[in-house]
Amino acid sequence: GAMVGAGWPPAQATRIGALMRYFITGSALGSFAGGFVDDESAYDPADYPHLGQAHLLAERGRQVDEGAFETGLRALLDGLALQYEEYARPTETVRRAPNRP
């Protein structure tokens, strides 16, 4: 109700609700940092040239995951703010969703 009252079309308000649910639930249920073992020998540079410090994620997991959540939330909110500018523009009769690929 509040999002529609603020100018979002009902379908888009529903999508945003689902988006936030998936984002928050996914962050709560899974850890990016927890997906890496803390054994330095597990990441052979020949096989994993960009994971040379992945074993350090275990000890910094909370910091990494919280930082990722904050970065993602900011990106979502900034993106929604840009979309809202499109929806909030007055039109003759109907507010239309911006064209998305």
C-alpha atoms as a PDB file:
ATOM      1  CA  GLY A   1       0.000   0.000   0.000  1.00  0.00           C
ATOM      2  CA  ALA A   2       2.570   2.623   0.979  1.00  0.00           C
ATOM      3  CA  MET A   3       4.681   2.159  -2.134  1.00  0.00           C
ATOM      4  CA  VAL A   4       1.663   2.416  -4.417  1.00  0.00           C
ATOM      5  CA  GLY A   5       0.530   5.455  -2.455  1.00  0.00           C
ATOM      6  CA  ALA A   6       3.956   6.986  -3.046  1.00  0.00           C
ATOM      7  CA  GLY A   7       3.593   6.592  -6.800  1.00  0.00           C
ATOM      8  CA  TRP A   8       4.935   3.142  -7.646  1.00  0.00           C
ATOM      9  CA  PRO A   9       2.750   1.090  -9.998  1.00  0.00           C
ATOM     10  CA  PRO A  10       1.296  -1.941  -8.157  1.00  0.00           C
ATOM     11  CA  ALA A  11       3.209  -4.507 -10.227  1.00  0.00           C
ATOM     12  CA  GLN A  12       6.513  -2.728  -9.640  1.00  0.00           C
ATOM     13  CA  ALA A  13       5.795  -2.378  -5.918  1.00  0.00           C
ATOM     14  CA  THR A  14       5.258  -6.153  -5.776  1.00  0.00           C
ATOM     15  CA  ARG A  15       8.539  -6.783  -7.601  1.00  0.00           C
ATOM     16  CA  ILE A  16      10.398  -4.504  -5.211  1.00  0.00           C
ATOM     17  CA  GLY A  17       8.924  -6.360  -2.239  1.00  0.00           C
ATOM     18  CA  ALA A  18      10.097  -9.661  -3.717  1.00  0.00           C
ATOM     19  CA  LEU A  19      13.501  -8.179  -4.528  1.00  0.00           C
ATOM     20  CA  MET A  20      14.060  -7.061  -0.958  1.00  0.00           C
ATOM     21  CA  ARG A  21      12.869 -10.387   0.422  1.00  0.00           C
ATOM     22  CA  TYR A  22      15.293 -12.318  -1.786  1.00  0.00           C
ATOM     23  CA  PHE A  23      18.173  -9.962  -1.054  1.00  0.00           C
ATOM     24  CA  ILE A  24      17.718 -10.046   2.713  1.00  0.00           C
ATOM     25  CA  THR A  25      16.940 -13.762   2.918  1.00  0.00           C
ATOM     26  CA  GLY A  26      19.887 -14.654   0.719  1.00  0.00           C
ATOM     27  CA  SER A  27      22.213 -12.555   2.819  1.00  0.00           C
ATOM     28  CA  ALA A  28      20.895 -14.060   6.045  1.00  0.00           C
ATOM     29  CA  LEU A  29      21.078 -17.670   4.879  1.00  0.00           C
ATOM     30  CA  GLY A  30      24.396 -17.687   3.085  1.00  0.00           C
ATOM     31  CA  SER A  31      27.901 -16.394   3.512  1.00  0.00           C
ATOM     32  CA  PHE A  32      30.080 -15.504   0.543  1.00  0.00           C
ATOM     33  CA  ALA A  33      33.212 -15.662   2.672  1.00  0.00           C
ATOM     34  CA  GLY A  34      32.110 -18.962   4.210  1.00  0.00           C
ATOM     35  CA  GLY A  35      32.320 -20.578   0.794  1.00  0.00           C
ATOM     36  CA  PHE A  36      36.115 -20.585   0.883  1.00  0.00           C
ATOM     37  CA  VAL A  37      38.274 -22.951   2.920  1.00  0.00           C
ATOM     38  CA  ASP A  38      40.960 -21.477   5.146  1.00  0.00           C
ATOM     39  CA  ASP A  39      43.677 -23.782   3.778  1.00  0.00           C
ATOM     40  CA  GLU A  40      46.138 -21.781   1.686  1.00  0.00           C
ATOM     41  CA  SER A  41      47.190 -24.891  -0.252  1.00  0.00           C
ATOM     42  CA  ALA A  42      43.622 -25.402  -1.528  1.00  0.00           C
ATOM     43  CA  TYR A  43      44.062 -22.643  -4.097  1.00  0.00           C
ATOM     44  CA  ASP A  44      46.900 -23.590  -6.436  1.00  0.00           C
ATOM     45  CA  PRO A  45      47.940 -20.408  -8.294  1.00  0.00           C
ATOM     46  CA  ALA A  46      48.181 -22.412 -11.524  1.00  0.00           C
ATOM     47  CA  ASP A  47      44.517 -23.382 -11.213  1.00  0.00           C
ATOM     48  CA  TYR A  48      43.183 -20.330  -9.356  1.00  0.00           C
ATOM     49  CA  PRO A  49      45.389 -17.331 -10.179  1.00  0.00           C
ATOM     50  CA  HIS A  50      42.959 -14.829  -8.634  1.00  0.00           C
ATOM     51  CA  LEU A  51      42.281 -16.688  -5.386  1.00  0.00           C
ATOM     52  CA  GLY A  52      45.702 -16.358  -3.799  1.00  0.00           C
ATOM     53  CA  GLN A  53      44.242 -14.786  -0.659  1.00  0.00           C
ATOM     54  CA  ALA A  54      40.882 -16.590  -0.582  1.00  0.00           C
ATOM     55  CA  HIS A  55      41.993 -18.603   2.445  1.00  0.00           C
ATOM     56  CA  LEU A  56      41.995 -15.342   4.450  1.00  0.00           C
ATOM     57  CA  LEU A  57      38.257 -14.865   3.955  1.00  0.00           C
ATOM     58  CA  ALA A  58      37.448 -17.308   6.758  1.00  0.00           C
ATOM     59  CA  GLU A  59      38.945 -15.029   9.410  1.00  0.00           C
ATOM     60  CA  ARG A  60      37.394 -11.922   7.857  1.00  0.00           C
ATOM     61  CA  GLY A  61      34.064 -13.473   6.941  1.00  0.00           C
ATOM     62  CA  ARG A  62      31.773 -11.250   8.944  1.00  0.00           C
ATOM     63  CA  GLN A  63      33.506  -8.081   7.740  1.00  0.00           C
ATOM     64  CA  VAL A  64      33.356  -9.246   4.108  1.00  0.00           C
ATOM     65  CA  ASP A  65      29.725 -10.353   4.293  1.00  0.00           C
ATOM     66  CA  GLU A  66      28.520  -7.222   6.102  1.00  0.00           C
ATOM     67  CA  GLY A  67      30.401  -5.016   3.653  1.00  0.00           C
ATOM     68  CA  ALA A  68      28.878  -6.902   0.741  1.00  0.00           C
ATOM     69  CA  PHE A  69      25.386  -6.505   2.207  1.00  0.00           C
ATOM     70  CA  GLU A  70      25.872  -2.762   2.700  1.00  0.00           C
ATOM     71  CA  THR A  71      27.253  -2.365  -0.827  1.00  0.00           C
ATOM     72  CA  GLY A  72      24.378  -4.350  -2.316  1.00  0.00           C
ATOM     73  CA  LEU A  73      21.738  -2.497  -0.323  1.00  0.00           C
ATOM     74  CA  ARG A  74      23.153   0.869  -1.361  1.00  0.00           C
ATOM     75  CA  ALA A  75      23.185  -0.242  -5.018  1.00  0.00           C
ATOM     76  CA  LEU A  76      19.576  -1.430  -4.758  1.00  0.00           C
ATOM     77  CA  LEU A  77      18.372   1.761  -3.113  1.00  0.00           C
ATOM     78  CA  ASP A  78      20.254   3.990  -5.545  1.00  0.00           C
ATOM     79  CA  GLY A  79      18.841   2.034  -8.479  1.00  0.00           C
ATOM     80  CA  LEU A  80      15.321   2.206  -7.094  1.00  0.00           C
ATOM     81  CA  ALA A  81      15.700   5.950  -6.562  1.00  0.00           C
ATOM     82  CA  LEU A  82      16.599   6.346 -10.241  1.00  0.00           C
ATOM     83  CA  GLN A  83      13.638   4.216 -11.278  1.00  0.00           C
ATOM     84  CA  TYR A  84      11.339   6.182  -9.010  1.00  0.00           C
ATOM     85  CA  GLU A  85      12.287   9.384 -10.813  1.00  0.00           C
ATOM     86  CA  GLU A  86      10.925   7.777 -13.987  1.00  0.00           C
ATOM     87  CA  TYR A  87       7.717   6.601 -12.325  1.00  0.00           C
ATOM     88  CA  ALA A  88       7.105   9.855 -10.485  1.00  0.00           C
ATOM     89  CA  ARG A  89       7.179  12.004 -13.616  1.00  0.00           C
ATOM     90  CA  PRO A  90       3.674  13.151 -14.427  1.00  0.00           C
ATOM     91  CA  THR A  91       2.176  11.643 -17.561  1.00  0.00           C
ATOM     92  CA  GLU A  92      -1.138  12.211 -19.286  1.00  0.00           C
ATOM     93  CA  THR A  93      -2.969   9.183 -17.916  1.00  0.00           C
ATOM     94  CA  VAL A  94      -0.732   6.257 -17.042  1.00  0.00           C
ATOM     95  CA  ARG A  95       2.654   5.875 -15.430  1.00  0.00           C
ATOM     96  CA  ARG A  96       4.656   3.407 -17.421  1.00  0.00           C
ATOM     97  CA  ALA A  97       7.633   1.370 -16.396  1.00  0.00           C
ATOM     98  CA  PRO A  98      10.903   2.528 -17.949  1.00  0.00           C
ATOM     99  CA  ASN A  99      12.018   0.358 -20.842  1.00  0.00           C
ATOM    100  CA  ARG A 100      14.305  -2.373 -19.618  1.00  0.00           C
ATOM    101  CA  PRO A 101      16.237  -4.816 -21.808  1.00  0.00           C
END
